[in-house]
Amino acid sequence: MDDSEEFKKRNHDFVERMAADEEMRGLTRGWVEAATRHEYSYHFTWLGRPIIQFPQDIVATQEIIWRVQPDLIIETGIARGGSLVFSASMLELLGGDRLVVGIDVDIREHNRVEIERHPLSRRIKMIQGSSVDESVVREVAGHAEGRQTVLVMLDSNHTHEHVLRELELYSPLVTPGSYLIVYDTVVEQMPEGTYPDRPWGRGDNPLTAVREFLARGTDFEVDREVEDKLLITVAPGGYLRRVR
């Protein structure tokens, strides 16, 4: 007997109850704050490259990619390349001529070398430059031409101004039904002084940019089910689905 639908409904009901559990949400917030002090997200790799993400968000992104099946993924922020390799591995499973395009203002040579020598490098295109530079955006848009399904992930400079500009520039490239994922919206929930050496913090971060972007009236909405299921995530309010 196929109980797939019953299984889905049971899970949905549990997720709803879990999301409404304030005690559990409080425990989650405390855990995230403590884990951040230990640079928890820096401790994991994907197929050999540091990915610098919570494992929970990696799993959620995997689910989205498998469901949406994009033929192009655009990522702002490369760091050590683990996220590019992750996206490339998912696209490899999907087959075809799928590609991930990564943008970073400073692609360090040792990281570039390791990414280019990776077995999945043929699915990776790297662009050095600011993600909000007009010439960079034009180059990325060129890769999006003719693509049926485009997914975007924003994970570069986390200031309000920069992320808002990225949202303005890259949201038109996202195809209906696909996602625009904005990482590190959790900054808004962290205690004051968590990021003393960074130009972002409470009141000036990816979540404040997302809120302004959505308030303007867009084709996107927050997919609350993703964060309700995860609870532990660096992207609360940051999983945006294009609905039209």
Protein backbone atom coordinates (compact mmCIF):
# COMPACT_ATOMS: atom_id res chain seq x y z
CA MET A 1 0.00 0.00 0.00
CA ASP A 2 1.38 3.41 -1.04
CA ASP A 3 1.26 5.67 2.00
CA SER A 4 3.21 8.55 0.40
CA GLU A 5 0.48 11.15 0.77
CA GLU A 6 -0.27 10.12 4.35
CA PHE A 7 3.47 10.36 5.14
CA LYS A 8 3.65 13.87 3.64
CA LYS A 9 0.61 15.04 5.58
CA ARG A 10 1.95 13.59 8.83
CA ASN A 11 5.25 15.40 8.35
CA HIS A 12 3.47 18.64 7.43
CA ASP A 13 1.42 18.48 10.62
CA PHE A 14 4.50 17.87 12.76
CA VAL A 15 6.32 20.78 11.11
CA GLU A 16 3.40 23.11 11.84
CA ARG A 17 3.35 22.10 15.50
CA MET A 18 7.12 22.39 15.77
CA ALA A 19 7.09 25.87 14.21
CA ALA A 20 4.50 26.97 16.78
CA ASP A 21 6.54 25.59 19.70
CA GLU A 22 8.00 28.74 21.28
CA GLU A 23 10.13 26.75 23.70
CA MET A 24 11.82 24.94 20.85
CA ARG A 25 12.28 28.19 18.91
CA GLY A 26 13.93 29.72 21.96
CA LEU A 27 16.28 26.76 22.28
CA THR A 28 17.10 27.09 18.58
CA ARG A 29 17.94 30.79 18.88
CA GLY A 30 20.21 30.08 21.84
CA TRP A 31 21.94 27.25 20.01
CA VAL A 32 22.55 29.37 16.90
CA GLU A 33 24.04 32.18 18.98
CA ALA A 34 26.35 29.75 20.77
CA ALA A 35 27.32 27.93 17.58
CA THR A 36 28.16 31.20 15.85
CA ARG A 37 30.70 32.01 18.55
CA HIS A 38 32.50 28.81 17.54
CA GLU A 39 32.30 29.55 13.77
CA TYR A 40 30.19 26.39 13.42
CA SER A 41 29.43 26.94 9.72
CA TYR A 42 33.15 26.90 8.84
CA HIS A 43 33.63 23.29 9.91
CA PHE A 44 32.13 21.46 6.92
CA THR A 45 33.18 20.58 3.37
CA TRP A 46 31.38 19.46 0.25
CA LEU A 47 33.34 17.03 -1.94
CA GLY A 48 36.57 18.37 -0.55
CA ARG A 49 35.97 22.13 -0.49
CA PRO A 50 34.95 24.21 2.57
CA ILE A 51 31.29 25.13 2.09
CA ILE A 52 30.78 27.55 5.04
CA GLN A 53 27.08 26.80 5.56
CA PHE A 54 24.96 25.14 8.21
CA PRO A 55 24.34 21.48 7.21
CA GLN A 56 20.62 22.18 7.66
CA ASP A 57 20.69 24.84 4.94
CA ILE A 58 22.70 22.55 2.66
CA VAL A 59 19.96 19.92 2.94
CA ALA A 60 17.21 22.50 2.33
CA THR A 61 18.99 23.85 -0.75
CA GLN A 62 19.43 20.30 -2.04
CA GLU A 63 15.69 19.73 -1.73
CA ILE A 64 14.93 22.95 -3.59
CA ILE A 65 17.39 22.25 -6.41
CA TRP A 66 16.08 18.73 -6.90
CA ARG A 67 12.49 19.98 -6.96
CA VAL A 68 13.06 23.02 -9.18
CA GLN A 69 15.71 21.40 -11.42
CA PRO A 70 17.39 24.63 -12.57
CA ASP A 71 19.62 24.63 -15.61
CA LEU A 72 21.46 27.68 -14.27
CA ILE A 73 22.40 28.57 -10.69
CA ILE A 74 23.84 32.01 -9.96
CA GLU A 75 25.81 32.50 -6.74
CA THR A 76 27.19 35.77 -5.40
CA GLY A 77 30.09 35.08 -3.07
CA ILE A 78 32.54 32.25 -3.75
CA ALA A 79 34.80 32.14 -0.65
CA ARG A 80 36.57 28.75 -0.79
CA GLY A 81 34.27 27.27 -3.41
CA GLY A 82 32.35 24.63 -1.51
CA SER A 83 28.97 26.05 -2.42
CA LEU A 84 29.91 26.16 -6.11
CA VAL A 85 31.00 22.53 -5.94
CA PHE A 86 27.78 21.63 -4.11
CA SER A 87 25.67 23.29 -6.83
CA ALA A 88 27.77 21.67 -9.55
CA SER A 89 27.27 18.24 -7.97
CA MET A 90 23.51 18.69 -7.93
CA LEU A 91 23.52 19.89 -11.55
CA GLU A 92 25.68 16.91 -12.52
CA LEU A 93 23.01 14.58 -11.13
CA LEU A 94 20.35 16.43 -13.13
CA GLY A 95 22.38 16.13 -16.33
CA GLY A 96 22.33 18.20 -19.50
CA ASP A 97 24.39 21.36 -19.96
CA ARG A 98 23.51 22.84 -16.59
CA LEU A 99 25.90 25.43 -15.15
CA VAL A 100 26.63 27.30 -11.91
CA VAL A 101 28.02 30.83 -12.21
CA GLY A 102 29.87 32.21 -9.19
CA ILE A 103 30.76 35.87 -8.63
CA ASP A 104 33.23 37.28 -6.15
CA VAL A 105 35.04 40.59 -5.86
CA ASP A 106 38.22 38.73 -4.86
CA ILE A 107 38.76 35.16 -6.05
CA ARG A 108 41.94 34.19 -4.26
CA GLU A 109 44.39 32.33 -6.46
CA HIS A 110 44.73 29.25 -4.23
CA ASN A 111 40.93 28.89 -4.14
CA ARG A 112 40.62 29.36 -7.91
CA VAL A 113 43.27 26.68 -8.50
CA GLU A 114 41.47 24.15 -6.29
CA ILE A 115 38.07 24.88 -7.81
CA GLU A 116 39.40 24.64 -11.37
CA ARG A 117 41.10 21.30 -10.67
CA HIS A 118 37.95 19.81 -9.13
CA PRO A 119 36.31 16.94 -11.10
CA LEU A 120 33.13 19.04 -11.42
CA SER A 121 34.86 22.20 -12.66
CA ARG A 122 33.32 21.86 -16.13
CA ARG A 123 29.99 22.87 -14.60
CA ILE A 124 31.47 25.95 -12.89
CA LYS A 125 32.03 29.43 -14.32
CA MET A 126 33.70 32.03 -12.08
CA ILE A 127 33.53 35.80 -12.57
CA GLN A 128 35.76 38.15 -10.60
CA GLY A 129 34.21 41.51 -9.81
CA SER A 130 31.55 43.13 -7.69
CA SER A 131 28.20 41.41 -7.97
CA VAL A 132 26.54 44.82 -8.40
CA ASP A 133 28.90 46.04 -11.14
CA GLU A 134 26.97 46.62 -14.39
CA SER A 135 29.48 44.73 -16.54
CA VAL A 136 29.33 41.71 -14.22
CA VAL A 137 25.54 41.71 -14.21
CA ARG A 138 25.51 41.87 -18.02
CA GLU A 139 27.88 38.89 -18.21
CA VAL A 140 25.73 36.88 -15.82
CA ALA A 141 22.56 37.82 -17.71
CA GLY A 142 24.23 36.50 -20.86
CA HIS A 143 24.55 33.08 -19.23
CA ALA A 144 20.87 33.23 -18.30
CA GLU A 145 19.70 33.82 -21.88
CA GLY A 146 17.82 30.83 -23.22
CA ARG A 147 17.76 29.06 -19.88
CA GLN A 148 14.41 27.62 -18.83
CA THR A 149 14.91 27.62 -15.06
CA VAL A 150 17.24 29.94 -13.12
CA LEU A 151 17.92 29.88 -9.37
CA VAL A 152 19.88 32.58 -7.51
CA MET A 153 21.75 32.48 -4.17
CA LEU A 154 23.03 35.68 -2.55
CA ASP A 155 25.93 35.26 -0.12
CA SER A 156 28.45 38.06 -0.62
CA ASN A 157 28.63 41.45 1.13
CA HIS A 158 25.90 41.33 3.80
CA THR A 159 25.17 45.05 4.20
CA HIS A 160 21.61 46.24 3.62
CA GLU A 161 22.63 48.46 0.72
CA HIS A 162 24.58 45.77 -1.12
CA VAL A 163 22.03 42.99 -0.68
CA LEU A 164 19.15 45.26 -1.69
CA ARG A 165 21.01 46.15 -4.87
CA GLU A 166 21.67 42.46 -5.56
CA LEU A 167 17.97 41.76 -5.08
CA GLU A 168 17.11 44.47 -7.57
CA LEU A 169 19.61 43.24 -10.15
CA TYR A 170 19.27 39.47 -9.91
CA SER A 171 15.61 38.93 -9.02
CA PRO A 172 14.53 39.49 -12.66
CA LEU A 173 16.71 36.54 -13.70
CA VAL A 174 14.87 34.10 -11.39
CA THR A 175 12.22 32.18 -13.30
CA PRO A 176 8.67 31.70 -11.94
CA GLY A 177 8.49 28.78 -9.55
CA SER A 178 12.21 28.97 -8.77
CA TYR A 179 13.97 30.50 -5.78
CA LEU A 180 16.09 33.44 -4.73
CA ILE A 181 17.90 32.37 -1.56
CA VAL A 182 19.34 35.12 0.64
CA TYR A 183 21.78 33.77 3.19
CA ASP A 184 22.75 35.22 6.58
CA THR A 185 19.45 36.96 7.25
CA VAL A 186 20.03 35.53 10.74
CA VAL A 187 22.32 38.52 11.42
CA GLU A 188 19.21 40.52 12.35
CA GLN A 189 18.44 38.07 15.16
CA MET A 190 21.93 37.97 16.66
CA PRO A 191 22.96 39.98 19.73
CA GLU A 192 24.53 43.40 19.23
CA GLY A 193 28.28 43.18 18.75
CA THR A 194 28.29 39.67 17.26
CA TYR A 195 30.16 40.90 14.18
CA PRO A 196 32.51 43.64 15.48
CA ASP A 197 34.88 43.39 12.51
CA ARG A 198 32.19 43.44 9.82
CA PRO A 199 30.28 46.37 8.26
CA TRP A 200 26.91 44.73 8.93
CA GLY A 201 24.89 43.98 12.06
CA ARG A 202 21.40 44.42 13.49
CA GLY A 203 19.44 46.96 11.45
CA ASP A 204 21.84 46.69 8.49
CA ASN A 205 21.93 43.20 7.00
CA PRO A 206 20.37 40.82 4.45
CA LEU A 207 17.06 40.50 6.31
CA THR A 208 16.47 44.26 6.43
CA ALA A 209 17.19 44.31 2.69
CA VAL A 210 14.75 41.45 2.04
CA ARG A 211 12.04 43.22 4.02
CA GLU A 212 12.46 46.43 2.02
CA PHE A 213 12.54 44.47 -1.24
CA LEU A 214 9.32 42.60 -0.45
CA ALA A 215 7.58 45.72 0.85
CA ARG A 216 7.91 47.31 -2.57
CA GLY A 217 5.62 44.66 -4.02
CA THR A 218 7.40 41.93 -5.95
CA ASP A 219 6.80 38.60 -7.60
CA PHE A 220 8.38 36.84 -4.61
CA GLU A 221 7.15 35.52 -1.30
CA VAL A 222 8.92 33.93 1.66
CA ASP A 223 8.63 30.15 1.69
CA ARG A 224 8.01 29.81 5.43
CA GLU A 225 7.71 26.05 5.24
CA VAL A 226 11.45 25.75 4.58
CA GLU A 227 12.54 27.58 7.74
CA ASP A 228 9.70 26.07 9.80
CA LYS A 229 11.10 22.65 8.94
CA LEU A 230 14.73 23.60 9.55
CA LEU A 231 14.45 25.89 12.60
CA ILE A 232 18.27 25.89 12.62
CA THR A 233 19.12 28.07 9.62
CA VAL A 234 21.23 31.08 8.66
CA ALA A 235 18.46 32.21 6.32
CA PRO A 236 15.22 32.85 8.27
CA GLY A 237 12.93 34.78 5.95
CA GLY A 238 15.51 34.35 3.19
CA TYR A 239 14.07 31.48 1.15
CA LEU A 240 12.17 33.48 -1.47
CA ARG A 241 10.05 31.75 -4.11
CA ARG A 242 9.05 33.52 -7.29
CA VAL A 243 5.31 33.01 -7.55
CA ARG A 244 4.63 34.74 -10.88
